[in-house]
C-alpha atoms as a PDB file:
ATOM      1  CA  MET A   1       0.000   0.000   0.000  1.00  0.00           C
ATOM      2  CA  ASP A   2       1.402   3.374  -1.005  1.00  0.00           C
ATOM      3  CA  ALA A   3       1.469   6.084   1.629  1.00  0.00           C
ATOM      4  CA  THR A   4      -0.844   9.088   1.451  1.00  0.00           C
ATOM      5  CA  ALA A   5      -0.767  12.485   3.134  1.00  0.00           C
ATOM      6  CA  VAL A   6      -3.451  11.221   5.538  1.00  0.00           C
ATOM      7  CA  HIS A   7      -1.288   8.215   6.517  1.00  0.00           C
ATOM      8  CA  PHE A   8       1.694  10.520   6.964  1.00  0.00           C
ATOM      9  CA  ALA A   9      -0.214  12.894   9.235  1.00  0.00           C
ATOM     10  CA  ALA A  10      -1.639  10.056  11.336  1.00  0.00           C
ATOM     11  CA  ALA A  11       1.787   8.438  11.759  1.00  0.00           C
ATOM     12  CA  ALA A  12       3.341  11.800  12.685  1.00  0.00           C
ATOM     13  CA  ARG A  13       0.726  12.284  15.410  1.00  0.00           C
ATOM     14  CA  LEU A  14       1.253   8.794  16.836  1.00  0.00           C
ATOM     15  CA  LEU A  15       5.054   9.064  16.751  1.00  0.00           C
ATOM     16  CA  GLY A  16       4.936  12.507  18.329  1.00  0.00           C
ATOM     17  CA  ASP A  17       2.684  11.307  21.142  1.00  0.00           C
ATOM     18  CA  THR A  18       4.989   8.378  21.847  1.00  0.00           C
ATOM     19  CA  ALA A  19       8.155  10.497  21.803  1.00  0.00           C
ATOM     20  CA  ARG A  20       6.548  13.124  24.050  1.00  0.00           C
ATOM     21  CA  ALA A  21       5.409  10.460  26.537  1.00  0.00           C
ATOM     22  CA  ARG A  22       9.044   9.317  26.789  1.00  0.00           C
ATOM     23  CA  GLY A  23      10.294  12.848  27.416  1.00  0.00           C
ATOM     24  CA  LEU A  24      11.950  13.093  24.016  1.00  0.00           C
ATOM     25  CA  VAL A  25      12.099  15.895  21.478  1.00  0.00           C
ATOM     26  CA  VAL A  26       9.219  15.646  19.031  1.00  0.00           C
ATOM     27  CA  PRO A  27      10.522  16.617  15.613  1.00  0.00           C
ATOM     28  CA  ALA A  28       8.375  18.442  13.103  1.00  0.00           C
ATOM     29  CA  PHE A  29       7.481  16.242  10.143  1.00  0.00           C
ATOM     30  CA  ARG A  30       7.103  17.519   6.606  1.00  0.00           C
ATOM     31  CA  SER A  31       6.971  16.234   3.072  1.00  0.00           C
ATOM     32  CA  PRO A  32       8.667  16.281   0.669  1.00  0.00           C
ATOM     33  CA  PRO A  33      12.321  16.890   1.554  1.00  0.00           C
ATOM     34  CA  ARG A  34      13.762  20.043   0.028  1.00  0.00           C
ATOM     35  CA  ARG A  35      16.778  18.126  -1.190  1.00  0.00           C
ATOM     36  CA  SER A  36      15.987  16.663  -4.595  1.00  0.00           C
ATOM     37  CA  GLY A  37      16.191  12.870  -4.734  1.00  0.00           C
ATOM     38  CA  ALA A  38      16.354  12.394  -0.957  1.00  0.00           C
ATOM     39  CA  ALA A  39      13.922   9.957   0.671  1.00  0.00           C
ATOM     40  CA  ARG A  40      14.545  11.446   4.132  1.00  0.00           C
ATOM     41  CA  THR A  41      16.393  14.432   5.533  1.00  0.00           C
ATOM     42  CA  LEU A  42      16.838  15.798   9.025  1.00  0.00           C
ATOM     43  CA  ARG A  43      17.484  19.405   9.914  1.00  0.00           C
ATOM     44  CA  ARG A  44      18.452  20.353  13.459  1.00  0.00           C
ATOM     45  CA  TRP A  45      17.434  23.685  14.934  1.00  0.00           C
ATOM     46  CA  SER A  46      19.094  25.708  17.652  1.00  0.00           C
ATOM     47  CA  GLY A  47      17.385  24.955  20.931  1.00  0.00           C
ATOM     48  CA  GLY A  48      17.227  21.216  20.302  1.00  0.00           C
ATOM     49  CA  GLY A  49      14.390  20.930  17.795  1.00  0.00           C
ATOM     50  CA  ALA A  50      14.514  19.165  14.457  1.00  0.00           C
ATOM     51  CA  THR A  51      12.537  18.739  11.250  1.00  0.00           C
ATOM     52  CA  VAL A  52      12.293  15.324   9.625  1.00  0.00           C
ATOM     53  CA  SER A  53      11.351  15.555   5.955  1.00  0.00           C
ATOM     54  CA  VAL A  54      10.160  12.377   4.248  1.00  0.00           C
ATOM     55  CA  GLU A  55       9.211  11.643   0.651  1.00  0.00           C
ATOM     56  CA  VAL A  56       5.700  10.184   0.690  1.00  0.00           C
ATOM     57  CA  ARG A  57       4.664  10.143  -2.950  1.00  0.00           C
ATOM     58  CA  GLY A  58       5.035   6.780  -4.672  1.00  0.00           C
ATOM     59  CA  ARG A  59       6.510   5.005  -1.649  1.00  0.00           C
ATOM     60  CA  PRO A  60       5.163   2.120   0.419  1.00  0.00           C
ATOM     61  CA  TYR A  61       3.607   3.138   3.715  1.00  0.00           C
ATOM     62  CA  GLU A  62       6.031   0.929   5.634  1.00  0.00           C
ATOM     63  CA  ALA A  63       9.040   2.701   4.071  1.00  0.00           C
ATOM     64  CA  VAL A  64       7.626   6.118   4.958  1.00  0.00           C
ATOM     65  CA  VAL A  65       6.974   5.076   8.564  1.00  0.00           C
ATOM     66  CA  ALA A  66      10.454   3.528   8.809  1.00  0.00           C
ATOM     67  CA  ASP A  67      11.981   6.858   7.754  1.00  0.00           C
ATOM     68  CA  MET A  68       9.822   8.725  10.267  1.00  0.00           C
ATOM     69  CA  VAL A  69      10.758   6.340  13.090  1.00  0.00           C
ATOM     70  CA  GLU A  70      14.440   6.656  12.261  1.00  0.00           C
ATOM     71  CA  GLY A  71      14.048  10.420  12.163  1.00  0.00           C
ATOM     72  CA  VAL A  72      12.775  10.431  15.762  1.00  0.00           C
ATOM     73  CA  VAL A  73      15.687   8.228  16.857  1.00  0.00           C
ATOM     74  CA  VAL A  74      18.308  10.374  15.114  1.00  0.00           C
ATOM     75  CA  ALA A  75      16.742  13.685  16.182  1.00  0.00           C
ATOM     76  CA  ASN A  76      17.050  12.545  19.795  1.00  0.00           C
ATOM     77  CA  ARG A  77      20.551  11.112  19.337  1.00  0.00           C
ATOM     78  CA  VAL A  78      19.483   7.782  20.813  1.00  0.00           C
ATOM     79  CA  GLU A  79      21.947   4.930  20.190  1.00  0.00           C
ATOM     80  CA  GLY A  80      22.565   1.274  20.917  1.00  0.00           C
ATOM     81  CA  PRO A  81      20.041  -0.787  22.883  1.00  0.00           C
ATOM     82  CA  ASP A  82      18.101   2.347  23.816  1.00  0.00           C
ATOM     83  CA  ALA A  83      17.590   3.085  20.102  1.00  0.00           C
ATOM     84  CA  THR A  84      16.318  -0.448  19.528  1.00  0.00           C
ATOM     85  CA  ARG A  85      13.819  -0.090  22.369  1.00  0.00           C
ATOM     86  CA  LEU A  86      12.700   3.293  21.064  1.00  0.00           C
ATOM     87  CA  ARG A  87      12.214   1.980  17.515  1.00  0.00           C
ATOM     88  CA  THR A  88      10.158  -0.901  18.894  1.00  0.00           C
ATOM     89  CA  ALA A  89       7.962   1.450  20.924  1.00  0.00           C
ATOM     90  CA  LEU A  90       7.469   3.810  17.977  1.00  0.00           C
ATOM     91  CA  TRP A  91       6.525   0.987  15.594  1.00  0.00           C
ATOM     92  CA  ALA A  92       4.144  -0.449  18.187  1.00  0.00           C
ATOM     93  CA  ALA A  93       2.442   2.935  18.534  1.00  0.00           C
ATOM     94  CA  VAL A  94       1.903   3.182  14.787  1.00  0.00           C
ATOM     95  CA  LEU A  95       0.670  -0.406  14.480  1.00  0.00           C
ATOM     96  CA  GLU A  96      -1.735  -0.014  17.394  1.00  0.00           C
ATOM     97  CA  GLY A  97      -2.884   3.407  16.240  1.00  0.00           C
ATOM     98  CA  GLU A  98      -3.598   2.164  12.759  1.00  0.00           C
ATOM     99  CA  GLY A  99      -5.591  -0.731  14.155  1.00  0.00           C
ATOM    100  CA  GLY A 100      -3.084  -3.226  12.808  1.00  0.00           C
ATOM    101  CA  THR A 101      -3.896  -2.276   9.203  1.00  0.00           C
ATOM    102  CA  MET A 102      -0.236  -2.093   8.245  1.00  0.00           C
ATOM    103  CA  ALA A 103       0.348  -5.663   9.342  1.00  0.00           C
ATOM    104  CA  ALA A 104      -2.619  -6.789   7.268  1.00  0.00           C
ATOM    105  CA  ALA A 105      -1.536  -4.893   4.132  1.00  0.00           C
END
């Protein structure tokens, strides 16, 4: 299933809620990236914020969500086992929030 703007917005909300609940920085999400040909970019802002830009058009939903999840991890500079736990929690939030539709697709 290809991603849509509605899927992107829903995933951004779920990922943001999960990051916030863990006391992490919630990056802004936008599409498409300004850099031509890039699937995902991250821009850091002074004060600790970040913008994760992801190409949505013509890409599978799972690939878009994977880029968004990785954007949250990188924006928060989480590494090692903590990064693995964070990725797992972020994916779980999206799967639960979507009612398991991604797993069924």
